[in-house]
Amino acid sequence: MEKKLNFTNQALDQINKITNGKDKKFFRITVQGGGCSGFKYSFGFASKSNKDDVIFDKSVIDKSSLEIISGSIIDFKKEMIGETFVIDNPKAKAACGCGLSFSV
């Protein structure tokens, strides 16, 4: 089974904007244990990729995190309360009220 992530045009545009700095070569997506539902998404930057990373254009994700969110759609939303990356994960069975943590 191929490990795949889909990025909306809004997400790709934002990733291209924020990875233009010298130390920000890649936008890093990580799934960590924690949050009120078991897992939470984490976004950051990386100047290089690691041995266990999978590269999607200017984004990197480690293989363990990719197992959990493979098949997801990565989007970037601008709303009155702020701007954020959003992951629509078809494997998520439940999510907390704030939308930052989930269970599979």
PDB file of N, CA and C in Angstrom:
ATOM      1  N   MET A   1       0.842  -1.189   0.000  1.00  0.00           N
ATOM      2  CA  MET A   1       0.000   0.000   0.000  1.00  0.00           C
ATOM      3  C   MET A   1       0.884   1.248   0.000  1.00  0.00           C
ATOM      4  N   GLU A   2       0.645   2.118  -0.942  1.00  0.00           N
ATOM      5  CA  GLU A   2       1.447   3.333  -1.066  1.00  0.00           C
ATOM      6  C   GLU A   2       1.078   4.329   0.036  1.00  0.00           C
ATOM      7  N   LYS A   3       2.097   4.923   0.627  1.00  0.00           N
ATOM      8  CA  LYS A   3       1.885   5.941   1.655  1.00  0.00           C
ATOM      9  C   LYS A   3       1.708   7.279   0.945  1.00  0.00           C
ATOM     10  N   LYS A   4       0.572   7.905   1.176  1.00  0.00           N
ATOM     11  CA  LYS A   4       0.249   9.089   0.399  1.00  0.00           C
ATOM     12  C   LYS A   4      -0.386  10.166   1.265  1.00  0.00           C
ATOM     13  N   LEU A   5      -0.028  11.404   0.962  1.00  0.00           N
ATOM     14  CA  LEU A   5      -0.684  12.575   1.533  1.00  0.00           C
ATOM     15  C   LEU A   5      -1.122  13.456   0.378  1.00  0.00           C
ATOM     16  N   ASN A   6      -2.249  14.107   0.532  1.00  0.00           N
ATOM     17  CA  ASN A   6      -2.742  15.038  -0.471  1.00  0.00           C
ATOM     18  C   ASN A   6      -2.720  16.441   0.118  1.00  0.00           C
ATOM     19  N   PHE A   7      -2.199  17.389  -0.636  1.00  0.00           N
ATOM     20  CA  PHE A   7      -2.100  18.771  -0.198  1.00  0.00           C
ATOM     21  C   PHE A   7      -3.003  19.633  -1.064  1.00  0.00           C
ATOM     22  N   THR A   8      -3.801  20.491  -0.433  1.00  0.00           N
ATOM     23  CA  THR A   8      -4.612  21.439  -1.200  1.00  0.00           C
ATOM     24  C   THR A   8      -3.691  22.527  -1.739  1.00  0.00           C
ATOM     25  N   ASN A   9      -4.180  23.267  -2.723  1.00  0.00           N
ATOM     26  CA  ASN A   9      -3.398  24.384  -3.270  1.00  0.00           C
ATOM     27  C   ASN A   9      -3.103  25.423  -2.197  1.00  0.00           C
ATOM     28  N   GLN A  10      -4.070  25.653  -1.283  1.00  0.00           N
ATOM     29  CA  GLN A  10      -3.856  26.622  -0.209  1.00  0.00           C
ATOM     30  C   GLN A  10      -2.715  26.174   0.698  1.00  0.00           C
ATOM     31  N   ALA A  11      -2.654  24.890   1.017  1.00  0.00           N
ATOM     32  CA  ALA A  11      -1.579  24.366   1.860  1.00  0.00           C
ATOM     33  C   ALA A  11      -0.242  24.476   1.152  1.00  0.00           C
ATOM     34  N   LEU A  12      -0.180  24.095  -0.116  1.00  0.00           N
ATOM     35  CA  LEU A  12       1.070  24.185  -0.870  1.00  0.00           C
ATOM     36  C   LEU A  12       1.566  25.621  -0.970  1.00  0.00           C
ATOM     37  N   ASP A  13       0.654  26.560  -1.220  1.00  0.00           N
ATOM     38  CA  ASP A  13       1.038  27.974  -1.291  1.00  0.00           C
ATOM     39  C   ASP A  13       1.632  28.447   0.031  1.00  0.00           C
ATOM     40  N   GLN A  14       0.982  28.103   1.143  1.00  0.00           N
ATOM     41  CA  GLN A  14       1.463  28.535   2.452  1.00  0.00           C
ATOM     42  C   GLN A  14       2.806  27.876   2.791  1.00  0.00           C
ATOM     43  N   ILE A  15       2.954  26.607   2.483  1.00  0.00           N
ATOM     44  CA  ILE A  15       4.220  25.907   2.745  1.00  0.00           C
ATOM     45  C   ILE A  15       5.347  26.553   1.945  1.00  0.00           C
ATOM     46  N   ASN A  16       5.085  26.899   0.689  1.00  0.00           N
ATOM     47  CA  ASN A  16       6.099  27.578  -0.122  1.00  0.00           C
ATOM     48  C   ASN A  16       6.474  28.932   0.466  1.00  0.00           C
ATOM     49  N   LYS A  17       5.491  29.659   0.993  1.00  0.00           N
ATOM     50  CA  LYS A  17       5.766  30.968   1.607  1.00  0.00           C
ATOM     51  C   LYS A  17       6.636  30.835   2.851  1.00  0.00           C
ATOM     52  N   ILE A  18       6.322  29.876   3.715  1.00  0.00           N
ATOM     53  CA  ILE A  18       7.002  29.809   5.015  1.00  0.00           C
ATOM     54  C   ILE A  18       8.310  29.032   4.989  1.00  0.00           C
ATOM     55  N   THR A  19       8.625  28.374   3.890  1.00  0.00           N
ATOM     56  CA  THR A  19       9.889  27.630   3.830  1.00  0.00           C
ATOM     57  C   THR A  19      10.953  28.367   3.016  1.00  0.00           C
ATOM     58  N   ASN A  20      10.811  29.655   2.867  1.00  0.00           N
ATOM     59  CA  ASN A  20      11.784  30.419   2.092  1.00  0.00           C
ATOM     60  C   ASN A  20      13.009  30.843   2.895  1.00  0.00           C
ATOM     61  N   GLY A  21      13.019  30.668   4.212  1.00  0.00           N
ATOM     62  CA  GLY A  21      14.164  31.063   5.033  1.00  0.00           C
ATOM     63  C   GLY A  21      15.302  30.065   4.943  1.00  0.00           C
ATOM     64  N   LYS A  22      16.484  30.485   5.334  1.00  0.00           N
ATOM     65  CA  LYS A  22      17.680  29.637   5.264  1.00  0.00           C
ATOM     66  C   LYS A  22      17.541  28.366   6.098  1.00  0.00           C
ATOM     67  N   ASP A  23      16.991  28.470   7.301  1.00  0.00           N
ATOM     68  CA  ASP A  23      16.868  27.324   8.199  1.00  0.00           C
ATOM     69  C   ASP A  23      15.547  26.588   8.033  1.00  0.00           C
ATOM     70  N   LYS A  24      14.732  27.015   7.097  1.00  0.00           N
ATOM     71  CA  LYS A  24      13.395  26.451   6.932  1.00  0.00           C
ATOM     72  C   LYS A  24      13.249  25.798   5.564  1.00  0.00           C
ATOM     73  N   LYS A  25      14.098  24.826   5.279  1.00  0.00           N
ATOM     74  CA  LYS A  25      14.048  24.163   3.984  1.00  0.00           C
ATOM     75  C   LYS A  25      12.790  23.314   3.833  1.00  0.00           C
ATOM     76  N   PHE A  26      12.372  22.668   4.928  1.00  0.00           N
ATOM     77  CA  PHE A  26      11.207  21.778   4.889  1.00  0.00           C
ATOM     78  C   PHE A  26      10.187  22.166   5.955  1.00  0.00           C
ATOM     79  N   PHE A  27       8.926  21.915   5.643  1.00  0.00           N
ATOM     80  CA  PHE A  27       7.832  22.008   6.598  1.00  0.00           C
ATOM     81  C   PHE A  27       7.647  20.601   7.150  1.00  0.00           C
ATOM     82  N   ARG A  28       7.802  20.431   8.474  1.00  0.00           N
ATOM     83  CA  ARG A  28       7.742  19.100   9.087  1.00  0.00           C
ATOM     84  C   ARG A  28       6.370  18.862   9.706  1.00  0.00           C
ATOM     85  N   ILE A  29       5.780  17.712   9.361  1.00  0.00           N
ATOM     86  CA  ILE A  29       4.513  17.260   9.934  1.00  0.00           C
ATOM     87  C   ILE A  29       4.829  16.039  10.792  1.00  0.00           C
ATOM     88  N   THR A  30       4.369  16.049  12.029  1.00  0.00           N
ATOM     89  CA  THR A  30       4.620  14.954  12.946  1.00  0.00           C
ATOM     90  C   THR A  30       3.339  14.591  13.685  1.00  0.00           C
ATOM     91  N   VAL A  31       3.183  13.314  13.975  1.00  0.00           N
ATOM     92  CA  VAL A  31       2.106  12.849  14.854  1.00  0.00           C
ATOM     93  C   VAL A  31       2.769  12.398  16.141  1.00  0.00           C
ATOM     94  N   GLN A  32       2.315  12.967  17.264  1.00  0.00           N
ATOM     95  CA  GLN A  32       2.889  12.649  18.566  1.00  0.00           C
ATOM     96  C   GLN A  32       1.823  12.058  19.466  1.00  0.00           C
ATOM     97  N   GLY A  33       2.259  11.232  20.405  1.00  0.00           N
ATOM     98  CA  GLY A  33       1.344  10.754  21.432  1.00  0.00           C
ATOM     99  C   GLY A  33       1.006  11.903  22.357  1.00  0.00           C
ATOM    100  N   GLY A  34      -0.238  11.950  22.808  1.00  0.00           N
ATOM    101  CA  GLY A  34      -0.649  13.016  23.716  1.00  0.00           C
ATOM    102  C   GLY A  34      -1.955  13.636  23.297  1.00  0.00           C
ATOM    103  N   GLY A  35      -2.291  14.718  23.934  1.00  0.00           N
ATOM    104  CA  GLY A  35      -3.581  15.334  23.670  1.00  0.00           C
ATOM    105  C   GLY A  35      -4.668  14.564  24.387  1.00  0.00           C
ATOM    106  N   CYS A  36      -5.864  15.076  24.388  1.00  0.00           N
ATOM    107  CA  CYS A  36      -6.940  14.445  25.137  1.00  0.00           C
ATOM    108  C   CYS A  36      -7.522  13.221  24.429  1.00  0.00           C
ATOM    109  N   SER A  37      -7.181  12.996  23.146  1.00  0.00           N
ATOM    110  CA  SER A  37      -7.726  11.842  22.429  1.00  0.00           C
ATOM    111  C   SER A  37      -6.685  10.788  22.073  1.00  0.00           C
ATOM    112  N   GLY A  38      -5.431  10.985  22.427  1.00  0.00           N
ATOM    113  CA  GLY A  38      -4.419   9.957  22.185  1.00  0.00           C
ATOM    114  C   GLY A  38      -3.264  10.389  21.301  1.00  0.00           C
ATOM    115  N   PHE A  39      -3.546  11.076  20.199  1.00  0.00           N
ATOM    116  CA  PHE A  39      -2.514  11.581  19.297  1.00  0.00           C
ATOM    117  C   PHE A  39      -2.766  13.054  19.025  1.00  0.00           C
ATOM    118  N   LYS A  40      -1.693  13.763  18.641  1.00  0.00           N
ATOM    119  CA  LYS A  40      -1.857  15.155  18.228  1.00  0.00           C
ATOM    120  C   LYS A  40      -0.905  15.448  17.082  1.00  0.00           C
ATOM    121  N   TYR A  41      -1.307  16.389  16.246  1.00  0.00           N
ATOM    122  CA  TYR A  41      -0.494  16.824  15.122  1.00  0.00           C
ATOM    123  C   TYR A  41       0.474  17.894  15.600  1.00  0.00           C
ATOM    124  N   SER A  42       1.655  17.875  15.017  1.00  0.00           N
ATOM    125  CA  SER A  42       2.649  18.902  15.314  1.00  0.00           C
ATOM    126  C   SER A  42       3.229  19.392  13.992  1.00  0.00           C
ATOM    127  N   PHE A  43       3.384  20.699  13.862  1.00  0.00           N
ATOM    128  CA  PHE A  43       3.951  21.299  12.661  1.00  0.00           C
ATOM    129  C   PHE A  43       5.188  22.088  13.048  1.00  0.00           C
ATOM    130  N   GLY A  44       6.218  22.020  12.220  1.00  0.00           N
ATOM    131  CA  GLY A  44       7.450  22.752  12.493  1.00  0.00           C
ATOM    132  C   GLY A  44       8.274  22.863  11.222  1.00  0.00           C
ATOM    133  N   PHE A  45       9.564  23.141  11.406  1.00  0.00           N
ATOM    134  CA  PHE A  45      10.467  23.309  10.284  1.00  0.00           C
ATOM    135  C   PHE A  45      11.673  22.407  10.458  1.00  0.00           C
ATOM    136  N   ALA A  46      12.314  22.089   9.343  1.00  0.00           N
ATOM    137  CA  ALA A  46      13.539  21.297   9.368  1.00  0.00           C
ATOM    138  C   ALA A  46      14.485  21.840   8.303  1.00  0.00           C
ATOM    139  N   SER A  47      15.757  21.917   8.657  1.00  0.00           N
ATOM    140  CA  SER A  47      16.748  22.377   7.687  1.00  0.00           C
ATOM    141  C   SER A  47      17.215  21.237   6.791  1.00  0.00           C
ATOM    142  N   LYS A  48      16.955  19.994   7.229  1.00  0.00           N
ATOM    143  CA  LYS A  48      17.313  18.823   6.417  1.00  0.00           C
ATOM    144  C   LYS A  48      16.348  17.694   6.738  1.00  0.00           C
ATOM    145  N   SER A  49      16.326  16.707   5.877  1.00  0.00           N
ATOM    146  CA  SER A  49      15.480  15.541   6.139  1.00  0.00           C
ATOM    147  C   SER A  49      16.286  14.496   6.899  1.00  0.00           C
ATOM    148  N   ASN A  50      15.592  13.655   7.633  1.00  0.00           N
ATOM    149  CA  ASN A  50      16.220  12.566   8.386  1.00  0.00           C
ATOM    150  C   ASN A  50      16.118  11.272   7.581  1.00  0.00           C
ATOM    151  N   LYS A  51      16.851  10.270   8.020  1.00  0.00           N
ATOM    152  CA  LYS A  51      16.902   8.993   7.310  1.00  0.00           C
ATOM    153  C   LYS A  51      15.521   8.335   7.198  1.00  0.00           C
ATOM    154  N   ASP A  52      14.683   8.488   8.212  1.00  0.00           N
ATOM    155  CA  ASP A  52      13.368   7.834   8.192  1.00  0.00           C
ATOM    156  C   ASP A  52      12.244   8.740   7.684  1.00  0.00           C
ATOM    157  N   ASP A  53      12.601   9.854   7.041  1.00  0.00           N
ATOM    158  CA  ASP A  53      11.598  10.783   6.522  1.00  0.00           C
ATOM    159  C   ASP A  53      11.162  10.417   5.114  1.00  0.00           C
ATOM    160  N   VAL A  54       9.921  10.751   4.827  1.00  0.00           N
ATOM    161  CA  VAL A  54       9.395  10.693   3.467  1.00  0.00           C
ATOM    162  C   VAL A  54       9.186  12.148   3.056  1.00  0.00           C
ATOM    163  N   ILE A  55       9.664  12.508   1.862  1.00  0.00           N
ATOM    164  CA  ILE A  55       9.598  13.889   1.399  1.00  0.00           C
ATOM    165  C   ILE A  55       8.460  14.049   0.408  1.00  0.00           C
ATOM    166  N   PHE A  56       7.646  15.070   0.649  1.00  0.00           N
ATOM    167  CA  PHE A  56       6.571  15.475  -0.255  1.00  0.00           C
ATOM    168  C   PHE A  56       6.867  16.910  -0.654  1.00  0.00           C
ATOM    169  N   ASP A  57       7.554  17.114  -1.756  1.00  0.00           N
ATOM    170  CA  ASP A  57       7.929  18.443  -2.228  1.00  0.00           C
ATOM    171  C   ASP A  57       8.719  19.170  -1.143  1.00  0.00           C
ATOM    172  N   LYS A  58       8.120  20.172  -0.475  1.00  0.00           N
ATOM    173  CA  LYS A  58       8.818  20.913   0.585  1.00  0.00           C
ATOM    174  C   LYS A  58       8.358  20.497   1.987  1.00  0.00           C
ATOM    175  N   SER A  59       7.677  19.365   2.082  1.00  0.00           N
ATOM    176  CA  SER A  59       7.218  18.853   3.370  1.00  0.00           C
ATOM    177  C   SER A  59       7.897  17.523   3.662  1.00  0.00           C
ATOM    178  N   VAL A  60       8.154  17.270   4.938  1.00  0.00           N
ATOM    179  CA  VAL A  60       8.710  15.985   5.359  1.00  0.00           C
ATOM    180  C   VAL A  60       7.870  15.426   6.499  1.00  0.00           C
ATOM    181  N   ILE A  61       7.798  14.100   6.534  1.00  0.00           N
ATOM    182  CA  ILE A  61       7.100  13.421   7.614  1.00  0.00           C
ATOM    183  C   ILE A  61       7.817  12.103   7.871  1.00  0.00           C
ATOM    184  N   ASP A  62       8.004  11.770   9.142  1.00  0.00           N
ATOM    185  CA  ASP A  62       8.670  10.507   9.460  1.00  0.00           C
ATOM    186  C   ASP A  62       7.723   9.347   9.153  1.00  0.00           C
ATOM    187  N   LYS A  63       8.299   8.174   8.902  1.00  0.00           N
ATOM    188  CA  LYS A  63       7.510   7.011   8.466  1.00  0.00           C
ATOM    189  C   LYS A  63       6.468   6.587   9.490  1.00  0.00           C
ATOM    190  N   SER A  64       6.778   6.703  10.784  1.00  0.00           N
ATOM    191  CA  SER A  64       5.805   6.327  11.823  1.00  0.00           C
ATOM    192  C   SER A  64       4.582   7.236  11.790  1.00  0.00           C
ATOM    193  N   SER A  65       4.818   8.535  11.649  1.00  0.00           N
ATOM    194  CA  SER A  65       3.702   9.485  11.567  1.00  0.00           C
ATOM    195  C   SER A  65       2.902   9.264  10.289  1.00  0.00           C
ATOM    196  N   LEU A  66       3.601   8.977   9.201  1.00  0.00           N
ATOM    197  CA  LEU A  66       2.923   8.764   7.929  1.00  0.00           C
ATOM    198  C   LEU A  66       1.991   7.551   7.983  1.00  0.00           C
ATOM    199  N   GLU A  67       2.373   6.515   8.733  1.00  0.00           N
ATOM    200  CA  GLU A  67       1.499   5.350   8.897  1.00  0.00           C
ATOM    201  C   GLU A  67       0.133   5.772   9.449  1.00  0.00           C
ATOM    202  N   ILE A  68       0.153   6.730  10.369  1.00  0.00           N
ATOM    203  CA  ILE A  68      -1.073   7.151  11.052  1.00  0.00           C
ATOM    204  C   ILE A  68      -1.918   8.083  10.190  1.00  0.00           C
ATOM    205  N   ILE A  69      -1.278   8.912   9.353  1.00  0.00           N
ATOM    206  CA  ILE A  69      -2.057   9.891   8.580  1.00  0.00           C
ATOM    207  C   ILE A  69      -2.036   9.650   7.075  1.00  0.00           C
ATOM    208  N   SER A  70      -1.540   8.507   6.640  1.00  0.00           N
ATOM    209  CA  SER A  70      -1.550   8.194   5.210  1.00  0.00           C
ATOM    210  C   SER A  70      -2.978   8.277   4.677  1.00  0.00           C
ATOM    211  N   GLY A  71      -3.146   8.902   3.524  1.00  0.00           N
ATOM    212  CA  GLY A  71      -4.464   9.078   2.925  1.00  0.00           C
ATOM    213  C   GLY A  71      -5.144  10.375   3.333  1.00  0.00           C
ATOM    214  N   SER A  72      -4.488  11.163   4.184  1.00  0.00           N
ATOM    215  CA  SER A  72      -5.067  12.417   4.671  1.00  0.00           C
ATOM    216  C   SER A  72      -4.938  13.547   3.654  1.00  0.00           C
ATOM    217  N   ILE A  73      -5.752  14.556   3.844  1.00  0.00           N
ATOM    218  CA  ILE A  73      -5.675  15.792   3.075  1.00  0.00           C
ATOM    219  C   ILE A  73      -5.147  16.880   3.998  1.00  0.00           C
ATOM    220  N   ILE A  74      -4.075  17.533   3.579  1.00  0.00           N
ATOM    221  CA  ILE A  74      -3.484  18.635   4.337  1.00  0.00           C
ATOM    222  C   ILE A  74      -4.003  19.926   3.711  1.00  0.00           C
ATOM    223  N   ASP A  75      -4.615  20.778   4.533  1.00  0.00           N
ATOM    224  CA  ASP A  75      -5.188  22.033   4.048  1.00  0.00           C
ATOM    225  C   ASP A  75      -4.688  23.176   4.920  1.00  0.00           C
ATOM    226  N   PHE A  76      -4.834  24.391   4.420  1.00  0.00           N
ATOM    227  CA  PHE A  76      -4.515  25.592   5.186  1.00  0.00           C
ATOM    228  C   PHE A  76      -5.749  26.465   5.162  1.00  0.00           C
ATOM    229  N   LYS A  77      -6.260  26.793   6.351  1.00  0.00           N
ATOM    230  CA  LYS A  77      -7.487  27.568   6.470  1.00  0.00           C
ATOM    231  C   LYS A  77      -7.212  28.942   7.063  1.00  0.00           C
ATOM    232  N   LYS A  78      -7.831  29.947   6.473  1.00  0.00           N
ATOM    233  CA  LYS A  78      -7.795  31.313   7.011  1.00  0.00           C
ATOM    234  C   LYS A  78      -9.206  31.645   7.467  1.00  0.00           C
ATOM    235  N   GLU A  79      -9.342  31.912   8.770  1.00  0.00           N
ATOM    236  CA  GLU A  79     -10.643  32.256   9.327  1.00  0.00           C
ATOM    237  C   GLU A  79     -10.497  33.503  10.181  1.00  0.00           C
ATOM    238  N   MET A  80     -11.592  34.031  10.644  1.00  0.00           N
ATOM    239  CA  MET A  80     -11.552  35.250  11.454  1.00  0.00           C
ATOM    240  C   MET A  80     -10.736  35.066  12.730  1.00  0.00           C
ATOM    241  N   ILE A  81     -10.732  33.852  13.288  1.00  0.00           N
ATOM    242  CA  ILE A  81     -10.016  33.619  14.548  1.00  0.00           C
ATOM    243  C   ILE A  81      -8.546  33.274  14.344  1.00  0.00           C
ATOM    244  N   GLY A  82      -8.121  33.117  13.078  1.00  0.00           N
ATOM    245  CA  GLY A  82      -6.716  32.837  12.823  1.00  0.00           C
ATOM    246  C   GLY A  82      -6.512  31.961  11.601  1.00  0.00           C
ATOM    247  N   GLU A  83      -5.258  31.608  11.397  1.00  0.00           N
ATOM    248  CA  GLU A  83      -4.866  30.766  10.278  1.00  0.00           C
ATOM    249  C   GLU A  83      -4.220  29.499  10.825  1.00  0.00           C
ATOM    250  N   THR A  84      -4.467  28.365  10.185  1.00  0.00           N
ATOM    251  CA  THR A  84      -3.883  27.114  10.665  1.00  0.00           C
ATOM    252  C   THR A  84      -3.889  26.048   9.575  1.00  0.00           C
ATOM    253  N   PHE A  85      -2.972  25.107   9.711  1.00  0.00           N
ATOM    254  CA  PHE A  85      -3.002  23.915   8.881  1.00  0.00           C
ATOM    255  C   PHE A  85      -3.999  22.949   9.491  1.00  0.00           C
ATOM    256  N   VAL A  86      -4.739  22.264   8.633  1.00  0.00           N
ATOM    257  CA  VAL A  86      -5.771  21.323   9.061  1.00  0.00           C
ATOM    258  C   VAL A  86      -5.521  19.995   8.345  1.00  0.00           C
ATOM    259  N   ILE A  87      -5.635  18.909   9.087  1.00  0.00           N
ATOM    260  CA  ILE A  87      -5.468  17.586   8.500  1.00  0.00           C
ATOM    261  C   ILE A  87      -6.794  16.844   8.563  1.00  0.00           C
ATOM    262  N   ASP A  88      -7.292  16.466   7.405  1.00  0.00           N
ATOM    263  CA  ASP A  88      -8.507  15.653   7.319  1.00  0.00           C
ATOM    264  C   ASP A  88      -8.033  14.207   7.198  1.00  0.00           C
ATOM    265  N   ASN A  89      -8.042  13.509   8.331  1.00  0.00           N
ATOM    266  CA  ASN A  89      -7.485  12.167   8.431  1.00  0.00           C
ATOM    267  C   ASN A  89      -8.615  11.133   8.404  1.00  0.00           C
ATOM    268  N   PRO A  90      -8.720  10.340   7.325  1.00  0.00           N
ATOM    269  CA  PRO A  90      -9.797   9.348   7.255  1.00  0.00           C
ATOM    270  C   PRO A  90      -9.645   8.215   8.278  1.00  0.00           C
ATOM    271  N   LYS A  91      -8.463   8.059   8.870  1.00  0.00           N
ATOM    272  CA  LYS A  91      -8.236   7.010   9.866  1.00  0.00           C
ATOM    273  C   LYS A  91      -8.650   7.436  11.272  1.00  0.00           C
ATOM    274  N   ALA A  92      -8.872   8.739  11.482  1.00  0.00           N
ATOM    275  CA  ALA A  92      -9.241   9.240  12.807  1.00  0.00           C
ATOM    276  C   ALA A  92     -10.655   8.765  13.152  1.00  0.00           C
ATOM    277  N   LYS A  93     -10.784   8.064  14.260  1.00  0.00           N
ATOM    278  CA  LYS A  93     -12.087   7.555  14.705  1.00  0.00           C
ATOM    279  C   LYS A  93     -12.803   8.542  15.611  1.00  0.00           C
ATOM    280  N   ALA A  94     -12.020   9.353  16.330  1.00  0.00           N
ATOM    281  CA  ALA A  94     -12.598  10.344  17.237  1.00  0.00           C
ATOM    282  C   ALA A  94     -11.631  11.506  17.362  1.00  0.00           C
ATOM    283  N   ALA A  95     -12.166  12.669  17.698  1.00  0.00           N
ATOM    284  CA  ALA A  95     -11.343  13.864  17.891  1.00  0.00           C
ATOM    285  C   ALA A  95     -11.857  14.620  19.092  1.00  0.00           C
ATOM    286  N   CYS A  96     -10.961  15.406  19.688  1.00  0.00           N
ATOM    287  CA  CYS A  96     -11.386  16.213  20.829  1.00  0.00           C
ATOM    288  C   CYS A  96     -12.122  17.453  20.316  1.00  0.00           C
ATOM    289  N   GLY A  97     -12.711  18.200  21.206  1.00  0.00           N
ATOM    290  CA  GLY A  97     -13.484  19.378  20.841  1.00  0.00           C
ATOM    291  C   GLY A  97     -12.668  20.455  20.162  1.00  0.00           C
ATOM    292  N   CYS A  98     -11.393  20.589  20.537  1.00  0.00           N
ATOM    293  CA  CYS A  98     -10.565  21.640  19.948  1.00  0.00           C
ATOM    294  C   CYS A  98     -10.033  21.238  18.575  1.00  0.00           C
ATOM    295  N   GLY A  99     -10.135  19.953  18.214  1.00  0.00           N
ATOM    296  CA  GLY A  99      -9.705  19.496  16.910  1.00  0.00           C
ATOM    297  C   GLY A  99      -8.207  19.262  16.766  1.00  0.00           C
ATOM    298  N   LEU A 100      -7.455  19.377  17.871  1.00  0.00           N
ATOM    299  CA  LEU A 100      -6.013  19.211  17.796  1.00  0.00           C
ATOM    300  C   LEU A 100      -5.550  17.798  18.103  1.00  0.00           C
ATOM    301  N   SER A 101      -6.386  17.005  18.737  1.00  0.00           N
ATOM    302  CA  SER A 101      -5.978  15.628  19.015  1.00  0.00           C
ATOM    303  C   SER A 101      -7.046  14.666  18.511  1.00  0.00           C
ATOM    304  N   PHE A 102      -6.618  13.412  18.321  1.00  0.00           N
ATOM    305  CA  PHE A 102      -7.506  12.431  17.702  1.00  0.00           C
ATOM    306  C   PHE A 102      -7.095  11.027  18.137  1.00  0.00           C
ATOM    307  N   SER A 103      -7.950  10.052  17.852  1.00  0.00           N
ATOM    308  CA  SER A 103      -7.626   8.650  18.092  1.00  0.00           C
ATOM    309  C   SER A 103      -7.871   7.876  16.809  1.00  0.00           C
ATOM    310  N   VAL A 104      -7.163   6.743  16.672  1.00  0.00           N
ATOM    311  CA  VAL A 104      -7.337   5.898  15.489  1.00  0.00           C
ATOM    312  C   VAL A 104      -7.790   4.514  15.906  1.00  0.00           C
TER     313      VAL A 104
END
